[in-house]
Amino acid sequence: MSAIELLGIAKSYGPEPVLSDLNLRCEAGSRTAILGPSGEGKTTLLRLIAGLELPNAGEVHIGSRQVSGPGWAIPPHERDLAIAFQAPSLWPHMRVRDNIMFGIRGLGPASARAQADECSWPAWAAATRTSCPAAKLSASPWPAPWPPGGASCSWTSR
């Protein structure tokens, strides 16, 4: 059984579509990373799952229970999940792996390192497919910290 499943989700703000015919299944006990440039619908997706937004089309299921559809939703406090929003910032002096380990440090060093390595490799691989050298450096789980003063990038979908 899926812990979270989205079926045919669509969300627009006025005439601007943000998500269109999105299907997603997250199995219980799995970890899912939602990556992408600013303005591509990542936060909207999380707000739909949490019940803070209503989909224009499609269904959101948590466990075996449908929790929202077009025009209706079970309130967020009745969904037995939590969402924590943060500013788009990481510790700039840390590598991706170290930032992930910081968030899961309660697992113990060896387990946190194994989990972080599993999560940081896809981020590094995705960043190396961009045309932005700074993204390649900042996403690397190996010693290559973000350049001092930051950098800006143009991301392209592939």
Protein backbone atom coordinates (compact mmCIF):
# COMPACT_ATOMS: atom_id res chain seq x y z
CA MET A 1 0.00 0.00 0.00
CA SER A 2 1.18 3.51 -0.78
CA ALA A 3 1.65 5.98 2.03
CA ILE A 4 0.93 8.89 -0.34
CA GLU A 5 -0.57 8.69 -3.80
CA LEU A 6 -1.58 11.48 -6.17
CA LEU A 7 -3.70 10.63 -9.20
CA GLY A 8 -4.17 13.03 -12.12
CA ILE A 9 -3.45 16.12 -10.03
CA ALA A 10 -3.83 19.51 -11.70
CA LYS A 11 -3.44 22.89 -10.02
CA SER A 12 -3.62 26.34 -11.55
CA TYR A 13 -3.48 29.82 -10.12
CA GLY A 14 -5.74 31.80 -12.42
CA PRO A 15 -4.86 30.99 -16.03
CA GLU A 16 -1.35 29.81 -15.07
CA PRO A 17 -1.08 25.99 -14.74
CA VAL A 18 1.38 24.89 -12.08
CA LEU A 19 0.80 21.13 -12.05
CA SER A 20 -0.85 19.17 -14.83
CA ASP A 21 -1.91 15.51 -14.79
CA LEU A 22 0.60 14.64 -12.06
CA ASN A 23 0.76 11.07 -10.76
CA LEU A 24 2.99 10.20 -7.82
CA ARG A 25 3.25 7.19 -5.52
CA CYS A 26 5.39 7.22 -2.36
CA GLU A 27 5.54 3.85 -0.66
CA ALA A 28 5.38 3.60 3.12
CA GLY A 29 8.88 3.82 4.60
CA SER A 30 10.43 5.24 1.45
CA ARG A 31 12.13 8.60 0.96
CA THR A 32 11.18 10.85 -1.93
CA ALA A 33 13.09 13.93 -3.02
CA ILE A 34 11.30 16.61 -5.01
CA LEU A 35 13.89 18.57 -6.95
CA GLY A 36 13.59 21.38 -9.43
CA PRO A 37 14.06 25.06 -10.10
CA SER A 38 12.13 27.79 -8.36
CA GLY A 39 8.55 28.20 -9.54
CA GLU A 40 8.11 24.67 -10.88
CA GLY A 41 5.43 23.53 -8.40
CA LYS A 42 7.38 21.78 -5.61
CA THR A 43 5.77 23.79 -2.80
CA THR A 44 2.35 23.59 -4.46
CA LEU A 45 2.70 19.80 -4.55
CA LEU A 46 3.53 19.68 -0.83
CA ARG A 47 0.66 22.09 -0.02
CA LEU A 48 -1.75 19.81 -1.92
CA ILE A 49 -0.57 16.75 0.03
CA ALA A 50 -0.85 18.64 3.33
CA GLY A 51 -4.35 19.91 2.50
CA LEU A 52 -3.39 23.58 2.43
CA GLU A 53 -4.47 23.82 -1.25
CA LEU A 54 -7.29 22.17 -3.20
CA PRO A 55 -6.54 20.47 -6.52
CA ASN A 56 -8.38 21.67 -9.63
CA ALA A 57 -8.44 18.03 -10.77
CA GLY A 58 -7.33 14.66 -9.45
CA GLU A 59 -7.16 12.95 -6.08
CA VAL A 60 -4.81 12.86 -3.10
CA HIS A 61 -4.69 9.65 -1.04
CA ILE A 62 -2.89 9.09 2.26
CA GLY A 63 -2.80 5.42 3.09
CA SER A 64 -6.02 3.89 1.78
CA ARG A 65 -7.99 7.09 2.40
CA GLN A 66 -8.81 9.74 -0.20
CA VAL A 67 -8.13 13.06 1.53
CA SER A 68 -8.89 15.56 -1.25
CA GLY A 69 -10.29 16.05 -4.69
CA PRO A 70 -11.51 18.97 -6.81
CA GLY A 71 -13.24 21.42 -4.47
CA TRP A 72 -13.00 19.44 -1.22
CA ALA A 73 -10.42 18.29 1.29
CA ILE A 74 -10.16 16.66 4.68
CA PRO A 75 -8.66 19.37 6.92
CA PRO A 76 -4.87 19.34 7.35
CA HIS A 77 -5.06 18.55 11.08
CA GLU A 78 -6.95 15.31 10.32
CA ARG A 79 -4.33 13.94 7.89
CA ASP A 80 -1.78 12.60 10.41
CA LEU A 81 1.19 14.19 8.68
CA ALA A 82 3.28 17.31 9.04
CA ILE A 83 4.97 19.73 6.70
CA ALA A 84 7.74 22.13 7.66
CA PHE A 85 8.45 24.95 5.25
CA GLN A 86 11.88 26.52 5.16
CA ALA A 87 13.59 29.25 3.25
CA PRO A 88 15.56 27.91 0.30
CA SER A 89 18.80 27.78 2.22
CA LEU A 90 21.34 25.22 3.22
CA TRP A 91 24.38 25.63 5.38
CA PRO A 92 26.62 27.24 2.74
CA HIS A 93 29.85 25.88 4.24
CA MET A 94 28.58 22.28 4.11
CA ARG A 95 28.36 19.76 1.30
CA VAL A 96 24.97 18.30 0.32
CA ARG A 97 25.72 15.11 2.26
CA ASP A 98 26.59 17.12 5.38
CA ASN A 99 23.39 19.19 5.11
CA ILE A 100 21.33 16.00 4.88
CA MET A 101 23.22 14.42 7.79
CA PHE A 102 22.51 17.50 9.90
CA GLY A 103 18.77 16.88 9.52
CA ILE A 104 18.94 13.19 10.43
CA ARG A 105 21.71 13.25 13.02
CA GLY A 106 19.48 11.42 15.54
CA LEU A 107 20.00 8.20 13.58
CA GLY A 108 23.62 7.96 14.71
CA PRO A 109 26.71 8.75 12.61
CA ALA A 110 27.00 5.56 10.54
CA SER A 111 23.29 5.31 9.73
CA ALA A 112 23.00 9.04 9.00
CA ARG A 113 26.02 8.87 6.66
CA ALA A 114 24.54 5.88 4.77
CA GLN A 115 21.14 7.59 4.43
CA ALA A 116 22.75 10.87 3.35
CA ASP A 117 24.92 9.15 0.76
CA GLU A 118 21.82 7.49 -0.67
CA CYS A 119 20.01 10.85 -0.89
CA SER A 120 22.88 13.08 -2.00
CA TRP A 121 23.97 11.01 -4.99
CA PRO A 122 20.76 11.74 -7.01
CA ALA A 123 21.12 15.46 -6.17
CA TRP A 124 24.73 15.45 -7.34
CA ALA A 125 23.82 13.51 -10.50
CA ALA A 126 20.97 15.92 -11.32
CA ALA A 127 23.20 18.95 -10.79
CA THR A 128 25.89 17.60 -13.10
CA ARG A 129 23.35 17.58 -15.92
CA THR A 130 22.92 21.37 -15.67
CA SER A 131 24.99 23.99 -17.39
CA CYS A 132 25.83 25.68 -14.09
CA PRO A 133 29.32 25.02 -12.69
CA ALA A 134 28.26 26.41 -9.30
CA ALA A 135 25.38 23.93 -9.10
CA LYS A 136 27.78 21.11 -9.92
CA LEU A 137 30.05 22.16 -7.10
CA SER A 138 27.37 22.88 -4.52
CA ALA A 139 25.50 19.62 -5.10
CA SER A 140 28.55 17.41 -4.85
CA PRO A 141 28.62 15.19 -1.77
CA TRP A 142 32.41 15.39 -1.90
CA PRO A 143 34.51 18.36 -0.75
CA ALA A 144 33.41 21.19 -3.02
CA PRO A 145 31.58 23.85 -1.01
CA TRP A 146 29.37 26.50 -2.56
CA PRO A 147 31.51 29.33 -3.99
CA PRO A 148 31.85 32.30 -1.62
CA GLY A 149 29.16 34.88 -2.30
CA GLY A 150 26.93 32.34 -4.07
CA ALA A 151 26.22 32.11 -7.77
CA SER A 152 23.24 32.21 -10.07
CA CYS A 153 22.27 29.57 -12.58
CA SER A 154 19.95 28.88 -15.46
CA TRP A 155 18.38 25.44 -15.11
CA THR A 156 17.07 23.57 -18.10
CA SER A 157 14.66 20.64 -18.18
CA ARG A 158 15.79 17.51 -19.95
